[in-house]
Amino acid sequence: MKPDCIIDVLDKLGSIISNFLSLSEEERVAKYPELSTAVLDCHEQNSWFVKPFVINSLKGVSQWLNKDKLWSFYNENRIKFAKTPKTIGLIMAGNIPLVGFHDFIIVLLTGNKAVVKLSSKDTILLPTLVSYLEKDFPEIAKHISFVQEITDNIDALIASGTNNTMSYFSYKYGQIPSILRGSRNSVAVITGNETAEEIEELTKDICLYFGMGCRSVSKIYLPDEECIKQIQDSLSAYSWMTNHKDWSDNLRFQKAMMLTKGETFYDCGPVIMIQESKLNSPMSVVHFEIYKSIEEVKKSLKALDSMVQCVVGDAKIDNSWVPFGKSQYPDINDFADRINTCDFIMQL
């Protein structure tokens, strides 16, 4: 397949997802029964994949899948379509739905073959989407395969997971060119001048996908503790999360632990906030740190750069910061860990 054909395929997928999202529940079932079933089955397979978050993941990837954006991305990254396709192994994490989709489309856009090992926690959604493509573009099947295990019969590997799994992959696939992504977190910076709407948007960055993504905000820099009240009020939009058994169990456990230790915390409904300098926070907990100046924050973030996926805040302070509410909606040019996967693949 040629570049224009691949882009036609991905544009078609974008249309399918966008049409699906625009329909009522009854219309979705009638027109896209397989995808409707997949959305429900995702939750049966993985209790963390609740329907609103699965729908949100489809919304997130659909924004990349239109001809104009794909051609712009293709040209901006000076993609050289492979004359002889290479085989790229993709090991996908299962923390949020479709978490490896960006790698998947880049392998296709560069003219290569994707050999995909899905997480056991997320085996339904991507194959369902691919099945729709194969109906109209049967030749795409030559570029995509799903496997139980990635062998060393590949030209390169892109894998995402925890730091522990990355150590294992580094050992197992050490002789193969690879991008290995371990654990990262994201942070937010509050100045105290935010609007109510911006704070409401921040709650998306905290709560979407139960805070399990590398782009989920696990720590907030605050000028003072008075800012917490506004965050606390806005988090009520996600109070439904406390009805999720596993989340609720974690929340109760964390509260009990802190009460036992005599630690002070803020009960914000679906999450609790505690003053803590560490970047990584336990599930259902958001850390906060009080700062004296923005320059102090920038210095702290520079030291943490290798552990931070993105920073949410006012782009007027730093143009690399992501607007409130947008951390879980990365642009197609937002490469994970700031490693350009197009360049990596084309240099093989």
Protein backbone atom coordinates (compact mmCIF):
# COMPACT_ATOMS: atom_id res chain seq x y z
CA MET A 1 0.00 0.00 0.00
CA LYS A 2 1.14 3.54 -0.77
CA PRO A 3 1.07 6.56 1.59
CA ASP A 4 -2.18 7.93 0.16
CA CYS A 5 -3.84 4.53 0.63
CA ILE A 6 -2.71 4.29 4.26
CA ILE A 7 -4.01 7.79 4.93
CA ASP A 8 -7.31 6.87 3.26
CA VAL A 9 -7.53 3.86 5.58
CA LEU A 10 -6.90 5.94 8.71
CA ASP A 11 -9.26 8.68 7.52
CA LYS A 12 -11.94 6.02 7.06
CA LEU A 13 -11.35 4.80 10.61
CA GLY A 14 -11.67 8.37 11.86
CA SER A 15 -15.00 8.70 10.07
CA ILE A 16 -16.26 5.44 11.59
CA ILE A 17 -15.33 6.51 15.11
CA SER A 18 -16.69 10.06 14.69
CA ASN A 19 -19.98 8.77 13.26
CA PHE A 20 -20.26 6.26 16.08
CA LEU A 21 -19.72 8.95 18.71
CA SER A 22 -22.30 11.26 17.12
CA LEU A 23 -25.12 8.72 17.37
CA SER A 24 -27.54 7.93 20.16
CA GLU A 25 -27.08 4.66 22.03
CA GLU A 26 -29.79 2.91 20.02
CA GLU A 27 -28.38 4.19 16.73
CA ARG A 28 -24.88 3.02 17.68
CA VAL A 29 -26.11 -0.50 18.33
CA ALA A 30 -28.03 -0.56 15.03
CA LYS A 31 -25.29 0.87 12.81
CA TYR A 32 -22.11 -0.28 14.57
CA PRO A 33 -23.08 -3.41 16.55
CA GLU A 34 -19.53 -4.78 16.82
CA LEU A 35 -18.10 -1.52 18.18
CA SER A 36 -21.05 -1.04 20.53
CA THR A 37 -20.50 -4.52 21.91
CA ALA A 38 -16.75 -3.95 22.18
CA VAL A 39 -17.25 -0.83 24.30
CA LEU A 40 -19.31 -2.87 26.78
CA ASP A 41 -17.03 -5.91 26.64
CA CYS A 42 -14.03 -3.74 27.51
CA HIS A 43 -15.54 -3.16 30.93
CA GLU A 44 -16.32 -6.86 31.36
CA GLN A 45 -12.67 -7.62 30.67
CA ASN A 46 -11.21 -4.76 32.70
CA SER A 47 -13.28 -3.19 35.46
CA TRP A 48 -11.31 0.06 35.16
CA PHE A 49 -12.48 0.54 31.55
CA VAL A 50 -15.84 2.09 32.40
CA LYS A 51 -17.94 3.14 29.45
CA PRO A 52 -17.41 6.95 29.78
CA PHE A 53 -13.65 6.44 29.71
CA VAL A 54 -13.72 4.02 26.76
CA ILE A 55 -15.83 6.54 24.84
CA ASN A 56 -13.37 9.24 25.82
CA SER A 57 -10.44 7.21 24.46
CA LEU A 58 -12.25 6.84 21.12
CA LYS A 59 -12.86 10.58 21.09
CA GLY A 60 -9.19 11.21 21.79
CA VAL A 61 -7.80 9.11 18.94
CA SER A 62 -10.46 10.20 16.44
CA GLN A 63 -9.08 13.76 16.48
CA TRP A 64 -5.92 12.50 14.73
CA LEU A 65 -7.72 10.58 12.00
CA ASN A 66 -8.62 12.93 9.19
CA LYS A 67 -6.83 13.45 5.90
CA ASP A 68 -5.77 17.04 6.50
CA LYS A 69 -4.24 16.34 9.89
CA LEU A 70 -2.60 13.11 8.75
CA TRP A 71 -1.04 14.70 5.66
CA SER A 72 0.13 17.65 7.73
CA PHE A 73 1.73 15.27 10.23
CA TYR A 74 3.23 13.22 7.40
CA ASN A 75 4.82 16.25 5.78
CA GLU A 76 5.92 18.00 8.99
CA ASN A 77 7.78 14.88 10.08
CA ARG A 78 9.23 14.36 6.59
CA ILE A 79 8.14 10.78 6.60
CA LYS A 80 9.85 8.57 4.06
CA PHE A 81 7.51 5.71 3.24
CA ALA A 82 9.35 2.38 3.46
CA LYS A 83 10.14 0.79 0.10
CA THR A 84 10.68 -2.51 1.88
CA PRO A 85 8.44 -2.75 4.95
CA LYS A 86 10.12 -3.55 8.25
CA THR A 87 8.44 -5.47 11.04
CA ILE A 88 7.88 -3.37 14.15
CA GLY A 89 6.86 -5.10 17.35
CA LEU A 90 4.45 -3.17 19.55
CA ILE A 91 3.94 -4.19 23.17
CA MET A 92 0.98 -2.25 24.48
CA ALA A 93 0.20 -1.40 28.08
CA GLY A 94 -3.28 -1.91 29.52
CA ASN A 95 -3.61 1.04 31.87
CA ILE A 96 -6.01 3.01 29.65
CA PRO A 97 -8.01 2.01 26.54
CA LEU A 98 -6.10 2.20 23.22
CA VAL A 99 -2.99 3.47 25.01
CA GLY A 100 -0.66 2.30 22.21
CA PHE A 101 -2.72 3.61 19.33
CA HIS A 102 -0.30 6.44 18.45
CA ASP A 103 2.55 3.96 17.91
CA PHE A 104 0.22 1.78 15.88
CA ILE A 105 -0.71 4.48 13.36
CA ILE A 106 2.88 5.68 13.02
CA VAL A 107 4.03 2.19 12.04
CA LEU A 108 1.38 2.25 9.30
CA LEU A 109 2.15 5.81 8.18
CA THR A 110 5.81 4.94 7.71
CA GLY A 111 4.86 1.99 5.48
CA ASN A 112 5.83 -0.75 7.88
CA LYS A 113 4.18 -3.79 9.46
CA ALA A 114 2.80 -3.70 12.98
CA VAL A 115 3.09 -6.89 15.02
CA VAL A 116 1.01 -6.12 18.09
CA LYS A 117 1.02 -7.80 21.47
CA LEU A 118 -1.99 -6.45 23.28
CA SER A 119 -2.21 -6.21 27.03
CA SER A 120 -4.38 -8.96 28.52
CA LYS A 121 -6.39 -6.06 30.01
CA ASP A 122 -7.16 -4.49 26.62
CA THR A 123 -7.59 -7.10 23.88
CA ILE A 124 -10.92 -6.00 22.44
CA LEU A 125 -11.06 -2.43 21.18
CA LEU A 126 -8.16 -2.22 18.71
CA PRO A 127 -8.91 -5.53 16.92
CA THR A 128 -12.53 -4.42 16.60
CA LEU A 129 -11.49 -1.16 14.96
CA VAL A 130 -9.13 -3.02 12.62
CA SER A 131 -11.93 -5.40 11.64
CA TYR A 132 -13.94 -2.45 10.30
CA LEU A 133 -10.98 -1.42 8.14
CA GLU A 134 -10.47 -4.90 6.73
CA LYS A 135 -14.01 -4.87 5.34
CA ASP A 136 -13.25 -1.90 3.04
CA PHE A 137 -9.46 -2.30 2.76
CA PRO A 138 -8.67 -6.04 2.94
CA GLU A 139 -5.06 -5.35 1.92
CA ILE A 140 -4.44 -3.61 5.28
CA ALA A 141 -4.34 -7.07 6.87
CA LYS A 142 -0.85 -7.50 5.38
CA HIS A 143 0.36 -4.61 7.57
CA ILE A 144 -1.21 -5.67 10.88
CA SER A 145 -1.01 -8.81 12.96
CA PHE A 146 -1.95 -9.54 16.56
CA VAL A 147 0.22 -12.04 18.42
CA GLN A 148 0.38 -13.66 21.84
CA GLU A 149 4.11 -13.09 22.13
CA ILE A 150 6.68 -10.89 20.39
CA THR A 151 9.57 -13.00 19.14
CA ASP A 152 13.01 -11.66 18.25
CA ASN A 153 12.07 -11.96 14.56
CA ILE A 154 11.38 -8.23 14.34
CA ASP A 155 13.35 -5.25 13.13
CA ALA A 156 12.48 -2.98 16.05
CA LEU A 157 10.41 -2.84 19.21
CA ILE A 158 8.28 -0.14 20.83
CA ALA A 159 7.06 -1.12 24.29
CA SER A 160 5.23 0.66 27.07
CA GLY A 161 4.70 -0.44 30.65
CA THR A 162 6.09 -0.09 34.14
CA ASN A 163 9.76 0.41 35.03
CA ASN A 164 9.90 -3.24 36.08
CA THR A 165 8.57 -4.52 32.76
CA MET A 166 11.00 -2.24 30.92
CA SER A 167 13.90 -3.91 32.72
CA TYR A 168 12.60 -7.27 31.53
CA PHE A 169 12.10 -6.09 27.96
CA SER A 170 15.56 -4.56 27.93
CA TYR A 171 17.00 -7.92 28.93
CA LYS A 172 14.86 -9.97 26.54
CA TYR A 173 15.12 -7.74 23.47
CA GLY A 174 18.47 -6.11 24.20
CA GLN A 175 19.88 -6.77 20.72
CA ILE A 176 16.92 -5.19 18.92
CA PRO A 177 16.59 -1.41 18.29
CA SER A 178 13.90 -0.28 20.68
CA ILE A 179 11.96 2.44 22.43
CA LEU A 180 11.14 1.29 25.94
CA ARG A 181 8.81 3.53 27.93
CA GLY A 182 8.57 3.11 31.67
CA SER A 183 6.48 4.86 34.30
CA ARG A 184 5.90 8.61 34.12
CA ASN A 185 3.52 11.04 35.73
CA SER A 186 2.14 14.46 34.93
CA VAL A 187 1.78 17.57 37.06
CA ALA A 188 -0.27 20.76 37.12
CA VAL A 189 0.78 24.27 38.11
CA ILE A 190 -1.82 26.57 39.67
CA THR A 191 -1.12 30.30 40.01
CA GLY A 192 -4.30 31.27 41.83
CA ASN A 193 -5.49 33.33 38.88
CA GLU A 194 -7.33 30.52 37.12
CA THR A 195 -10.96 30.85 36.16
CA ALA A 196 -13.60 28.49 37.55
CA GLU A 197 -13.78 26.89 34.09
CA GLU A 198 -10.03 26.18 34.07
CA ILE A 199 -10.21 24.50 37.47
CA GLU A 200 -13.16 22.42 36.26
CA GLU A 201 -11.07 21.39 33.26
CA LEU A 202 -8.21 20.43 35.59
CA THR A 203 -10.43 17.77 37.16
CA LYS A 204 -10.42 15.95 33.82
CA ASP A 205 -6.63 15.84 33.93
CA ILE A 206 -6.84 14.33 37.41
CA CYS A 207 -9.76 11.90 37.08
CA LEU A 208 -9.99 10.63 33.50
CA TYR A 209 -9.06 6.93 33.32
CA PHE A 210 -9.01 6.87 37.14
CA GLY A 211 -5.68 8.70 37.03
CA MET A 212 -3.90 5.68 35.55
CA GLY A 213 -2.36 7.32 32.49
CA CYS A 214 1.12 8.76 32.24
CA ARG A 215 -0.61 12.03 31.29
CA SER A 216 -2.79 11.93 34.42
CA VAL A 217 -2.01 14.67 36.93
CA SER A 218 -0.66 13.09 40.12
CA LYS A 219 0.76 16.25 41.68
CA ILE A 220 -0.25 19.92 41.75
CA TYR A 221 1.96 22.90 42.54
CA LEU A 222 -0.02 25.53 44.48
CA PRO A 223 0.79 29.07 45.70
CA ASP A 224 -1.21 28.37 48.89
CA GLU A 225 -3.68 25.87 50.34
CA GLU A 226 -6.63 28.18 49.76
CA CYS A 227 -6.63 27.02 46.13
CA ILE A 228 -7.62 23.54 47.23
CA LYS A 229 -11.18 24.62 48.06
CA GLN A 230 -11.92 25.47 44.41
CA ILE A 231 -10.40 22.19 43.22
CA GLN A 232 -12.40 20.37 45.88
CA ASP A 233 -15.66 21.88 44.66
CA SER A 234 -14.94 21.12 41.00
CA LEU A 235 -14.11 17.47 41.70
CA SER A 236 -17.75 16.88 42.58
CA ALA A 237 -18.33 16.28 38.84
CA TYR A 238 -16.49 12.98 39.31
CA SER A 239 -18.20 11.95 42.55
CA TRP A 240 -19.62 8.95 40.65
CA MET A 241 -16.17 7.37 40.80
CA THR A 242 -16.78 6.54 44.46
CA ASN A 243 -19.44 4.08 43.28
CA HIS A 244 -16.74 2.05 41.52
CA LYS A 245 -15.90 -0.75 43.95
CA ASP A 246 -12.16 -1.00 43.28
CA TRP A 247 -11.72 2.77 43.34
CA SER A 248 -13.80 3.11 46.49
CA ASP A 249 -11.78 0.38 48.20
CA ASN A 250 -8.55 2.19 47.35
CA LEU A 251 -9.96 5.49 48.56
CA ARG A 252 -11.05 4.04 51.91
CA PHE A 253 -7.71 2.29 52.34
CA GLN A 254 -5.74 5.48 51.73
CA LYS A 255 -7.91 7.44 54.17
CA ALA A 256 -7.48 4.75 56.81
CA MET A 257 -3.71 4.69 56.33
CA MET A 258 -3.44 8.46 56.69
CA LEU A 259 -5.68 8.57 59.72
CA THR A 260 -3.62 5.81 61.33
CA LYS A 261 -0.41 7.75 60.67
CA GLY A 262 -1.97 11.00 61.86
CA GLU A 263 -1.37 12.65 58.48
CA THR A 264 -3.38 15.69 57.42
CA PHE A 265 -5.27 15.40 54.15
CA TYR A 266 -8.08 17.07 52.22
CA ASP A 267 -11.12 14.93 51.42
CA CYS A 268 -12.06 16.04 47.91
CA GLY A 269 -14.74 13.43 47.20
CA PRO A 270 -13.38 11.10 44.52
CA VAL A 271 -9.76 11.79 45.56
CA ILE A 272 -7.84 12.95 48.58
CA MET A 273 -5.09 15.56 48.48
CA ILE A 274 -2.03 15.49 50.70
CA GLN A 275 1.01 17.74 50.92
CA GLU A 276 3.87 15.69 49.55
CA SER A 277 6.88 16.50 47.36
CA LYS A 278 6.95 13.12 45.60
CA LEU A 279 5.78 13.05 42.00
CA ASN A 280 4.17 9.61 41.96
CA SER A 281 1.06 9.31 44.13
CA PRO A 282 -0.94 6.23 45.19
CA MET A 283 -4.21 5.51 43.44
CA SER A 284 -6.98 7.91 44.57
CA VAL A 285 -4.41 10.33 46.02
CA VAL A 286 -3.18 13.61 44.53
CA HIS A 287 -0.07 15.22 45.95
CA PHE A 288 0.33 18.96 46.27
CA GLU A 289 3.32 21.17 46.99
CA ILE A 290 3.30 24.83 48.01
CA TYR A 291 5.70 27.05 46.10
CA LYS A 292 7.05 30.54 46.67
CA SER A 293 7.73 31.50 43.05
CA ILE A 294 7.16 30.20 39.53
CA GLU A 295 10.92 30.13 39.05
CA GLU A 296 11.11 27.68 41.95
CA VAL A 297 8.54 25.48 40.19
CA LYS A 298 10.44 25.59 36.91
CA LYS A 299 13.62 24.56 38.68
CA SER A 300 11.81 21.65 40.32
CA LEU A 301 10.28 20.53 37.01
CA LYS A 302 13.65 20.67 35.27
CA ALA A 303 15.07 18.28 37.86
CA LEU A 304 12.09 15.94 37.34
CA ASP A 305 12.09 16.17 33.54
CA SER A 306 12.89 12.51 32.91
CA MET A 307 9.94 11.45 35.07
CA VAL A 308 7.33 13.94 33.82
CA GLN A 309 5.18 13.25 30.77
CA CYS A 310 3.50 16.64 30.60
CA VAL A 311 2.84 19.79 32.63
CA VAL A 312 -0.64 21.28 32.77
CA GLY A 313 -0.83 25.01 33.27
CA ASP A 314 -0.82 28.48 31.74
CA ALA A 315 1.03 28.41 28.41
CA LYS A 316 1.85 32.10 28.88
CA ILE A 317 4.26 31.01 31.61
CA ASP A 318 5.77 28.21 29.52
CA ASN A 319 4.62 27.46 25.98
CA SER A 320 5.35 23.76 26.44
CA TRP A 321 2.66 23.49 29.12
CA VAL A 322 -0.64 21.85 28.22
CA PRO A 323 -3.91 23.79 28.66
CA PHE A 324 -6.17 22.73 31.52
CA GLY A 325 -8.37 19.79 30.56
CA LYS A 326 -6.20 18.75 27.61
CA SER A 327 -3.63 16.41 29.12
CA GLN A 328 -5.61 13.34 28.00
CA TYR A 329 -6.14 14.73 24.51
CA PRO A 330 -2.61 14.90 23.10
CA ASP A 331 -2.08 16.25 19.62
CA ILE A 332 -0.80 13.81 17.02
CA ASN A 333 2.57 15.60 17.25
CA ASP A 334 2.82 14.98 21.01
CA PHE A 335 5.22 12.04 21.10
CA ALA A 336 5.33 10.05 24.33
CA ASP A 337 8.48 10.75 26.37
CA ARG A 338 9.26 13.36 23.67
CA ILE A 339 10.85 10.66 21.50
CA ASN A 340 9.91 11.04 17.84
CA THR A 341 8.84 7.54 16.81
CA CYS A 342 8.78 8.52 13.14
CA ASP A 343 12.50 9.36 13.25
CA PHE A 344 13.25 6.19 15.20
CA ILE A 345 11.52 3.95 12.65
CA MET A 346 12.91 5.73 9.58
CA GLN A 347 16.47 5.39 10.89
CA LEU A 348 16.28 1.60 11.06
